[in-house]
PDB file of all heavy atoms in Angstrom:
ATOM      1  N   ARG A   1      21.722   1.611 -24.323  1.00  0.00           N
ATOM      2  CA  ARG A   1      21.515   1.558 -25.784  1.00  0.00           C
ATOM      3  C   ARG A   1      22.195   2.720 -26.511  1.00  0.00           C
ATOM      4  O   ARG A   1      22.456   2.627 -27.696  1.00  0.00           O
ATOM      5  CB  ARG A   1      20.033   1.512 -26.101  1.00  0.00           C
ATOM      6  CG  ARG A   1      19.388   0.209 -25.662  1.00  0.00           C
ATOM      7  CD  ARG A   1      17.877   0.235 -25.837  1.00  0.00           C
ATOM      8  NE  ARG A   1      17.263  -0.890 -25.199  1.00  0.00           N
ATOM      9  CZ  ARG A   1      16.858  -1.989 -25.843  1.00  0.00           C
ATOM     10  NH1 ARG A   1      17.043  -2.090 -27.130  1.00  0.00           N
ATOM     11  NH2 ARG A   1      16.294  -2.976 -25.169  1.00  0.00           N
ATOM     12  N   SER A   2      22.500   3.784 -25.783  1.00  0.00           N
ATOM     13  CA  SER A   2      23.113   4.965 -26.416  1.00  0.00           C
ATOM     14  C   SER A   2      24.639   5.007 -26.274  1.00  0.00           C
ATOM     15  O   SER A   2      25.277   5.856 -26.887  1.00  0.00           O
ATOM     16  CB  SER A   2      22.522   6.241 -25.816  1.00  0.00           C
ATOM     17  OG  SER A   2      23.020   6.451 -24.508  1.00  0.00           O
ATOM     18  N   LEU A   3      25.221   4.116 -25.505  1.00  0.00           N
ATOM     19  CA  LEU A   3      26.666   4.193 -25.230  1.00  0.00           C
ATOM     20  C   LEU A   3      27.537   3.759 -26.406  1.00  0.00           C
ATOM     21  O   LEU A   3      28.655   4.260 -26.559  1.00  0.00           O
ATOM     22  CB  LEU A   3      27.020   3.360 -23.998  1.00  0.00           C
ATOM     23  CG  LEU A   3      26.528   3.923 -22.673  1.00  0.00           C
ATOM     24  CD1 LEU A   3      26.808   2.945 -21.535  1.00  0.00           C
ATOM     25  CD2 LEU A   3      27.166   5.272 -22.392  1.00  0.00           C
ATOM     26  N   HIS A   4      27.082   2.827 -27.201  1.00  0.00           N
ATOM     27  CA  HIS A   4      27.811   2.359 -28.389  1.00  0.00           C
ATOM     28  C   HIS A   4      29.267   2.015 -28.073  1.00  0.00           C
ATOM     29  O   HIS A   4      30.177   2.369 -28.828  1.00  0.00           O
ATOM     30  CB  HIS A   4      27.737   3.384 -29.522  1.00  0.00           C
ATOM     31  CG  HIS A   4      26.342   3.794 -29.853  1.00  0.00           C
ATOM     32  ND1 HIS A   4      25.422   2.913 -30.404  1.00  0.00           N
ATOM     33  CD2 HIS A   4      25.695   4.966 -29.682  1.00  0.00           C
ATOM     34  CE1 HIS A   4      24.269   3.539 -30.568  1.00  0.00           C
ATOM     35  NE2 HIS A   4      24.398   4.787 -30.139  1.00  0.00           N
ATOM     36  N   GLY A   5      29.495   1.368 -26.941  1.00  0.00           N
ATOM     37  CA  GLY A   5      30.824   0.906 -26.591  1.00  0.00           C
ATOM     38  C   GLY A   5      31.736   1.927 -25.933  1.00  0.00           C
ATOM     39  O   GLY A   5      32.872   1.614 -25.589  1.00  0.00           O
ATOM     40  N   SER A   6      31.257   3.163 -25.723  1.00  0.00           N
ATOM     41  CA  SER A   6      32.107   4.191 -25.115  1.00  0.00           C
ATOM     42  C   SER A   6      32.268   3.998 -23.605  1.00  0.00           C
ATOM     43  O   SER A   6      33.188   4.547 -23.003  1.00  0.00           O
ATOM     44  CB  SER A   6      31.537   5.583 -25.393  1.00  0.00           C
ATOM     45  OG  SER A   6      30.263   5.732 -24.786  1.00  0.00           O
ATOM     46  N   ALA A   7      31.386   3.237 -23.000  1.00  0.00           N
ATOM     47  CA  ALA A   7      31.407   2.938 -21.560  1.00  0.00           C
ATOM     48  C   ALA A   7      30.572   1.678 -21.359  1.00  0.00           C
ATOM     49  O   ALA A   7      29.910   1.208 -22.286  1.00  0.00           O
ATOM     50  CB  ALA A   7      30.832   4.109 -20.758  1.00  0.00           C
ATOM     51  N   SER A   8      30.622   1.140 -20.154  1.00  0.00           N
ATOM     52  CA  SER A   8      29.863  -0.073 -19.842  1.00  0.00           C
ATOM     53  C   SER A   8      28.936   0.174 -18.661  1.00  0.00           C
ATOM     54  O   SER A   8      29.242   0.972 -17.776  1.00  0.00           O
ATOM     55  CB  SER A   8      30.815  -1.211 -19.454  1.00  0.00           C
ATOM     56  OG  SER A   8      31.668  -1.522 -20.514  1.00  0.00           O
ATOM     57  N   ILE A   9      27.828  -0.555 -18.671  1.00  0.00           N
ATOM     58  CA  ILE A   9      26.928  -0.604 -17.522  1.00  0.00           C
ATOM     59  C   ILE A   9      26.850  -2.064 -17.092  1.00  0.00           C
ATOM     60  O   ILE A   9      26.696  -2.956 -17.933  1.00  0.00           O
ATOM     61  CB  ILE A   9      25.518  -0.092 -17.855  1.00  0.00           C
ATOM     62  CG1 ILE A   9      25.558   1.371 -18.257  1.00  0.00           C
ATOM     63  CG2 ILE A   9      24.583  -0.292 -16.661  1.00  0.00           C
ATOM     64  CD1 ILE A   9      24.206   1.932 -18.641  1.00  0.00           C
ATOM     65  N   VAL A  10      26.950  -2.280 -15.790  1.00  0.00           N
ATOM     66  CA  VAL A  10      26.797  -3.614 -15.227  1.00  0.00           C
ATOM     67  C   VAL A  10      25.817  -3.496 -14.069  1.00  0.00           C
ATOM     68  O   VAL A  10      25.996  -2.670 -13.175  1.00  0.00           O
ATOM     69  CB  VAL A  10      28.149  -4.174 -14.712  1.00  0.00           C
ATOM     70  CG1 VAL A  10      27.942  -5.543 -14.074  1.00  0.00           C
ATOM     71  CG2 VAL A  10      29.174  -4.234 -15.829  1.00  0.00           C
ATOM     72  N   GLY A  11      24.772  -4.302 -14.100  1.00  0.00           N
ATOM     73  CA  GLY A  11      23.825  -4.342 -12.999  1.00  0.00           C
ATOM     74  C   GLY A  11      24.239  -5.403 -11.992  1.00  0.00           C
ATOM     75  O   GLY A  11      24.797  -6.437 -12.368  1.00  0.00           O
ATOM     76  N   VAL A  12      23.960  -5.140 -10.725  1.00  0.00           N
ATOM     77  CA  VAL A  12      24.203  -6.127  -9.668  1.00  0.00           C
ATOM     78  C   VAL A  12      22.941  -6.209  -8.819  1.00  0.00           C
ATOM     79  O   VAL A  12      22.587  -5.260  -8.116  1.00  0.00           O
ATOM     80  CB  VAL A  12      25.422  -5.758  -8.784  1.00  0.00           C
ATOM     81  CG1 VAL A  12      25.594  -6.802  -7.675  1.00  0.00           C
ATOM     82  CG2 VAL A  12      26.695  -5.633  -9.616  1.00  0.00           C
ATOM     83  N   ASP A  13      22.256  -7.338  -8.947  1.00  0.00           N
ATOM     84  CA  ASP A  13      21.066  -7.588  -8.128  1.00  0.00           C
ATOM     85  C   ASP A  13      21.522  -7.930  -6.723  1.00  0.00           C
ATOM     86  O   ASP A  13      22.310  -8.852  -6.519  1.00  0.00           O
ATOM     87  CB  ASP A  13      20.273  -8.742  -8.735  1.00  0.00           C
ATOM     88  CG  ASP A  13      19.135  -9.158  -7.839  1.00  0.00           C
ATOM     89  OD1 ASP A  13      18.365  -8.284  -7.406  1.00  0.00           O
ATOM     90  OD2 ASP A  13      19.031 -10.358  -7.536  1.00  0.00           O
ATOM     91  N   TRP A  14      21.016  -7.188  -5.752  1.00  0.00           N
ATOM     92  CA  TRP A  14      21.495  -7.292  -4.375  1.00  0.00           C
ATOM     93  C   TRP A  14      20.476  -7.981  -3.479  1.00  0.00           C
ATOM     94  O   TRP A  14      19.362  -7.479  -3.286  1.00  0.00           O
ATOM     95  CB  TRP A  14      21.817  -5.896  -3.850  1.00  0.00           C
ATOM     96  CG  TRP A  14      22.474  -5.886  -2.526  1.00  0.00           C
ATOM     97  CD1 TRP A  14      23.755  -6.247  -2.235  1.00  0.00           C
ATOM     98  CD2 TRP A  14      21.883  -5.488  -1.291  1.00  0.00           C
ATOM     99  NE1 TRP A  14      23.993  -6.097  -0.894  1.00  0.00           N
ATOM    100  CE2 TRP A  14      22.853  -5.626  -0.291  1.00  0.00           C
ATOM    101  CE3 TRP A  14      20.620  -5.023  -0.937  1.00  0.00           C
ATOM    102  CZ2 TRP A  14      22.615  -5.320   1.038  1.00  0.00           C
ATOM    103  CZ3 TRP A  14      20.382  -4.723   0.379  1.00  0.00           C
ATOM    104  CH2 TRP A  14      21.367  -4.869   1.356  1.00  0.00           C
ATOM    105  N   THR A  15      20.819  -9.126  -2.954  1.00  0.00           N
ATOM    106  CA  THR A  15      20.081  -9.911  -1.950  1.00  0.00           C
ATOM    107  C   THR A  15      18.630 -10.210  -2.328  1.00  0.00           C
ATOM    108  O   THR A  15      17.759 -10.262  -1.467  1.00  0.00           O
ATOM    109  CB  THR A  15      20.123  -9.253  -0.551  1.00  0.00           C
ATOM    110  OG1 THR A  15      19.385  -8.039  -0.560  1.00  0.00           O
ATOM    111  CG2 THR A  15      21.539  -9.013  -0.090  1.00  0.00           C
ATOM    112  N   ASP A  16      18.387 -10.428  -3.578  1.00  0.00           N
ATOM    113  CA  ASP A  16      17.051 -10.723  -4.074  1.00  0.00           C
ATOM    114  C   ASP A  16      16.843 -12.227  -4.197  1.00  0.00           C
ATOM    115  O   ASP A  16      17.810 -12.976  -4.329  1.00  0.00           O
ATOM    116  CB  ASP A  16      16.925 -10.153  -5.491  1.00  0.00           C
ATOM    117  CG  ASP A  16      15.766  -9.212  -5.658  1.00  0.00           C
ATOM    118  OD1 ASP A  16      14.841  -9.235  -4.836  1.00  0.00           O
ATOM    119  OD2 ASP A  16      15.790  -8.450  -6.630  1.00  0.00           O
ATOM    120  N   GLY A  17      15.596 -12.644  -4.241  1.00  0.00           N
ATOM    121  CA  GLY A  17      15.282 -14.009  -4.628  1.00  0.00           C
ATOM    122  C   GLY A  17      15.516 -14.143  -6.131  1.00  0.00           C
ATOM    123  O   GLY A  17      15.308 -13.192  -6.890  1.00  0.00           O
ATOM    124  N   LEU A  18      15.949 -15.306  -6.572  1.00  0.00           N
ATOM    125  CA  LEU A  18      16.287 -15.514  -7.977  1.00  0.00           C
ATOM    126  C   LEU A  18      15.095 -15.265  -8.896  1.00  0.00           C
ATOM    127  O   LEU A  18      15.223 -14.579  -9.920  1.00  0.00           O
ATOM    128  CB  LEU A  18      16.839 -16.931  -8.176  1.00  0.00           C
ATOM    129  CG  LEU A  18      17.337 -17.261  -9.575  1.00  0.00           C
ATOM    130  CD1 LEU A  18      18.418 -16.279 -10.022  1.00  0.00           C
ATOM    131  CD2 LEU A  18      17.861 -18.696  -9.607  1.00  0.00           C
ATOM    132  N   ASP A  19      13.928 -15.772  -8.561  1.00  0.00           N
ATOM    133  CA  ASP A  19      12.740 -15.568  -9.407  1.00  0.00           C
ATOM    134  C   ASP A  19      12.362 -14.094  -9.492  1.00  0.00           C
ATOM    135  O   ASP A  19      12.011 -13.594 -10.565  1.00  0.00           O
ATOM    136  CB  ASP A  19      11.553 -16.388  -8.888  1.00  0.00           C
ATOM    137  CG  ASP A  19      11.755 -17.886  -9.071  1.00  0.00           C
ATOM    138  OD1 ASP A  19      12.599 -18.280  -9.910  1.00  0.00           O
ATOM    139  OD2 ASP A  19      11.073 -18.661  -8.364  1.00  0.00           O
ATOM    140  N   SER A  20      12.446 -13.386  -8.370  1.00  0.00           N
ATOM    141  CA  SER A  20      12.121 -11.952  -8.366  1.00  0.00           C
ATOM    142  C   SER A  20      13.107 -11.167  -9.222  1.00  0.00           C
ATOM    143  O   SER A  20      12.718 -10.265  -9.963  1.00  0.00           O
ATOM    144  CB  SER A  20      12.148 -11.408  -6.939  1.00  0.00           C
ATOM    145  OG  SER A  20      11.167 -12.049  -6.155  1.00  0.00           O
ATOM    146  N   ALA A  21      14.376 -11.517  -9.124  1.00  0.00           N
ATOM    147  CA  ALA A  21      15.401 -10.833  -9.925  1.00  0.00           C
ATOM    148  C   ALA A  21      15.164 -11.060 -11.415  1.00  0.00           C
ATOM    149  O   ALA A  21      15.209 -10.118 -12.213  1.00  0.00           O
ATOM    150  CB  ALA A  21      16.786 -11.313  -9.522  1.00  0.00           C
ATOM    151  N   ARG A  22      14.910 -12.292 -11.787  1.00  0.00           N
ATOM    152  CA  ARG A  22      14.665 -12.603 -13.206  1.00  0.00           C
ATOM    153  C   ARG A  22      13.412 -11.898 -13.727  1.00  0.00           C
ATOM    154  O   ARG A  22      13.385 -11.411 -14.860  1.00  0.00           O
ATOM    155  CB  ARG A  22      14.563 -14.106 -13.396  1.00  0.00           C
ATOM    156  CG  ARG A  22      15.913 -14.779 -13.284  1.00  0.00           C
ATOM    157  CD  ARG A  22      15.811 -16.260 -13.522  1.00  0.00           C
ATOM    158  NE  ARG A  22      17.137 -16.858 -13.568  1.00  0.00           N
ATOM    159  CZ  ARG A  22      17.389 -18.116 -13.269  1.00  0.00           C
ATOM    160  NH1 ARG A  22      16.410 -18.926 -12.899  1.00  0.00           N
ATOM    161  NH2 ARG A  22      18.618 -18.572 -13.325  1.00  0.00           N
ATOM    162  N   ALA A  23      12.364 -11.839 -12.909  1.00  0.00           N
ATOM    163  CA  ALA A  23      11.139 -11.145 -13.317  1.00  0.00           C
ATOM    164  C   ALA A  23      11.400  -9.653 -13.520  1.00  0.00           C
ATOM    165  O   ALA A  23      10.895  -9.044 -14.470  1.00  0.00           O
ATOM    166  CB  ALA A  23      10.042 -11.362 -12.280  1.00  0.00           C
ATOM    167  N   PHE A  24      12.180  -9.039 -12.646  1.00  0.00           N
ATOM    168  CA  PHE A  24      12.537  -7.624 -12.755  1.00  0.00           C
ATOM    169  C   PHE A  24      13.298  -7.371 -14.065  1.00  0.00           C
ATOM    170  O   PHE A  24      13.014  -6.419 -14.795  1.00  0.00           O
ATOM    171  CB  PHE A  24      13.394  -7.223 -11.552  1.00  0.00           C
ATOM    172  CG  PHE A  24      13.751  -5.767 -11.482  1.00  0.00           C
ATOM    173  CD1 PHE A  24      12.944  -4.873 -10.789  1.00  0.00           C
ATOM    174  CD2 PHE A  24      14.899  -5.272 -12.091  1.00  0.00           C
ATOM    175  CE1 PHE A  24      13.275  -3.526 -10.699  1.00  0.00           C
ATOM    176  CE2 PHE A  24      15.245  -3.937 -12.012  1.00  0.00           C
ATOM    177  CZ  PHE A  24      14.423  -3.063 -11.313  1.00  0.00           C
ATOM    178  N   ILE A  25      14.239  -8.236 -14.364  1.00  0.00           N
ATOM    179  CA  ILE A  25      15.037  -8.102 -15.596  1.00  0.00           C
ATOM    180  C   ILE A  25      14.136  -8.210 -16.824  1.00  0.00           C
ATOM    181  O   ILE A  25      14.255  -7.410 -17.760  1.00  0.00           O
ATOM    182  CB  ILE A  25      16.160  -9.164 -15.613  1.00  0.00           C
ATOM    183  CG1 ILE A  25      17.225  -8.789 -14.580  1.00  0.00           C
ATOM    184  CG2 ILE A  25      16.759  -9.323 -17.005  1.00  0.00           C
ATOM    185  CD1 ILE A  25      18.217  -9.893 -14.271  1.00  0.00           C
ATOM    186  N   ARG A  26      13.218  -9.171 -16.827  1.00  0.00           N
ATOM    187  CA  ARG A  26      12.279  -9.313 -17.954  1.00  0.00           C
ATOM    188  C   ARG A  26      11.373  -8.094 -18.064  1.00  0.00           C
ATOM    189  O   ARG A  26      11.162  -7.561 -19.159  1.00  0.00           O
ATOM    190  CB  ARG A  26      11.423 -10.574 -17.779  1.00  0.00           C
ATOM    191  CG  ARG A  26      12.081 -11.842 -18.243  1.00  0.00           C
ATOM    192  CD  ARG A  26      11.094 -13.002 -18.311  1.00  0.00           C
ATOM    193  NE  ARG A  26      10.303 -13.186 -17.103  1.00  0.00           N
ATOM    194  CZ  ARG A  26      10.688 -13.878 -16.043  1.00  0.00           C
ATOM    195  NH1 ARG A  26      11.855 -14.477 -16.028  1.00  0.00           N
ATOM    196  NH2 ARG A  26       9.898 -13.998 -14.999  1.00  0.00           N
ATOM    197  N   GLU A  27      10.826  -7.663 -16.944  1.00  0.00           N
ATOM    198  CA  GLU A  27       9.894  -6.530 -16.929  1.00  0.00           C
ATOM    199  C   GLU A  27      10.533  -5.262 -17.495  1.00  0.00           C
ATOM    200  O   GLU A  27       9.881  -4.486 -18.182  1.00  0.00           O
ATOM    201  CB  GLU A  27       9.435  -6.274 -15.488  1.00  0.00           C
ATOM    202  CG  GLU A  27       8.526  -5.079 -15.324  1.00  0.00           C
ATOM    203  CD  GLU A  27       8.177  -4.811 -13.863  1.00  0.00           C
ATOM    204  OE1 GLU A  27       8.388  -5.706 -13.000  1.00  0.00           O
ATOM    205  OE2 GLU A  27       7.699  -3.700 -13.591  1.00  0.00           O
ATOM    206  N   HIS A  28      11.812  -5.061 -17.207  1.00  0.00           N
ATOM    207  CA  HIS A  28      12.494  -3.833 -17.629  1.00  0.00           C
ATOM    208  C   HIS A  28      13.360  -4.025 -18.870  1.00  0.00           C
ATOM    209  O   HIS A  28      14.097  -3.111 -19.250  1.00  0.00           O
ATOM    210  CB  HIS A  28      13.303  -3.263 -16.462  1.00  0.00           C
ATOM    211  CG  HIS A  28      12.417  -2.839 -15.338  1.00  0.00           C
ATOM    212  ND1 HIS A  28      11.617  -1.720 -15.388  1.00  0.00           N
ATOM    213  CD2 HIS A  28      12.161  -3.422 -14.142  1.00  0.00           C
ATOM    214  CE1 HIS A  28      10.927  -1.624 -14.267  1.00  0.00           C
ATOM    215  NE2 HIS A  28      11.228  -2.642 -13.500  1.00  0.00           N
ATOM    216  N   HIS A  29      13.257  -5.212 -19.493  1.00  0.00           N
ATOM    217  CA  HIS A  29      13.963  -5.485 -20.753  1.00  0.00           C
ATOM    218  C   HIS A  29      15.451  -5.147 -20.656  1.00  0.00           C
ATOM    219  O   HIS A  29      16.014  -4.522 -21.553  1.00  0.00           O
ATOM    220  CB  HIS A  29      13.314  -4.728 -21.915  1.00  0.00           C
ATOM    221  CG  HIS A  29      11.836  -4.895 -21.972  1.00  0.00           C
ATOM    222  ND1 HIS A  29      11.239  -6.081 -22.378  1.00  0.00           N
ATOM    223  CD2 HIS A  29      10.820  -4.062 -21.642  1.00  0.00           C
ATOM    224  CE1 HIS A  29       9.926  -5.950 -22.304  1.00  0.00           C
ATOM    225  NE2 HIS A  29       9.644  -4.740 -21.859  1.00  0.00           N
ATOM    226  N   MET A  30      16.053  -5.556 -19.559  1.00  0.00           N
ATOM    227  CA  MET A  30      17.463  -5.231 -19.317  1.00  0.00           C
ATOM    228  C   MET A  30      18.348  -6.084 -20.227  1.00  0.00           C
ATOM    229  O   MET A  30      18.268  -7.309 -20.207  1.00  0.00           O
ATOM    230  CB  MET A  30      17.796  -5.443 -17.839  1.00  0.00           C
ATOM    231  CG  MET A  30      17.011  -4.481 -16.938  1.00  0.00           C
ATOM    232  SD  MET A  30      16.979  -4.956 -15.197  1.00  0.00           S
ATOM    233  CE  MET A  30      18.581  -4.378 -14.682  1.00  0.00           C
ATOM    234  N   THR A  31      19.183  -5.405 -21.021  1.00  0.00           N
ATOM    235  CA  THR A  31      20.048  -6.099 -21.971  1.00  0.00           C
ATOM    236  C   THR A  31      21.520  -6.027 -21.587  1.00  0.00           C
ATOM    237  O   THR A  31      22.326  -6.757 -22.140  1.00  0.00           O
ATOM    238  CB  THR A  31      19.875  -5.507 -23.383  1.00  0.00           C
ATOM    239  OG1 THR A  31      20.217  -4.119 -23.346  1.00  0.00           O
ATOM    240  CG2 THR A  31      18.458  -5.687 -23.879  1.00  0.00           C
ATOM    241  N   TYR A  32      21.876  -5.162 -20.671  1.00  0.00           N
ATOM    242  CA  TYR A  32      23.277  -5.076 -20.253  1.00  0.00           C
ATOM    243  C   TYR A  32      23.558  -6.180 -19.234  1.00  0.00           C
ATOM    244  O   TYR A  32      22.638  -6.730 -18.632  1.00  0.00           O
ATOM    245  CB  TYR A  32      23.619  -3.686 -19.701  1.00  0.00           C
ATOM    246  CG  TYR A  32      22.696  -3.167 -18.630  1.00  0.00           C
ATOM    247  CD1 TYR A  32      22.906  -3.475 -17.296  1.00  0.00           C
ATOM    248  CD2 TYR A  32      21.608  -2.364 -18.961  1.00  0.00           C
ATOM    249  CE1 TYR A  32      22.067  -2.989 -16.301  1.00  0.00           C
ATOM    250  CE2 TYR A  32      20.758  -1.873 -17.978  1.00  0.00           C
ATOM    251  CZ  TYR A  32      20.994  -2.192 -16.658  1.00  0.00           C
ATOM    252  OH  TYR A  32      20.157  -1.710 -15.683  1.00  0.00           O
ATOM    253  N   PRO A  33      24.840  -6.522 -19.047  1.00  0.00           N
ATOM    254  CA  PRO A  33      25.172  -7.610 -18.117  1.00  0.00           C
ATOM    255  C   PRO A  33      24.630  -7.343 -16.712  1.00  0.00           C
ATOM    256  O   PRO A  33      24.706  -6.224 -16.216  1.00  0.00           O
ATOM    257  CB  PRO A  33      26.701  -7.618 -18.097  1.00  0.00           C
ATOM    258  CG  PRO A  33      27.107  -6.950 -19.358  1.00  0.00           C
ATOM    259  CD  PRO A  33      26.027  -5.950 -19.656  1.00  0.00           C
ATOM    260  N   ASP A  34      24.071  -8.379 -16.137  1.00  0.00           N
ATOM    261  CA  ASP A  34      23.576  -8.308 -14.763  1.00  0.00           C
ATOM    262  C   ASP A  34      24.103  -9.496 -13.983  1.00  0.00           C
ATOM    263  O   ASP A  34      24.034 -10.629 -14.444  1.00  0.00           O
ATOM    264  CB  ASP A  34      22.040  -8.305 -14.725  1.00  0.00           C
ATOM    265  CG  ASP A  34      21.502  -6.918 -14.522  1.00  0.00           C
ATOM    266  OD1 ASP A  34      21.569  -6.425 -13.376  1.00  0.00           O
ATOM    267  OD2 ASP A  34      21.015  -6.324 -15.501  1.00  0.00           O
TER     268      ASP A  34
END
């Protein structure tokens, strides 16, 4: 939220179940590309 386009963050969920990954993203309000 503080980068304002100066850099990028990309998350990569590694070997997770799809439901668990989606729940983690919702729980942590992740807005950057994953």
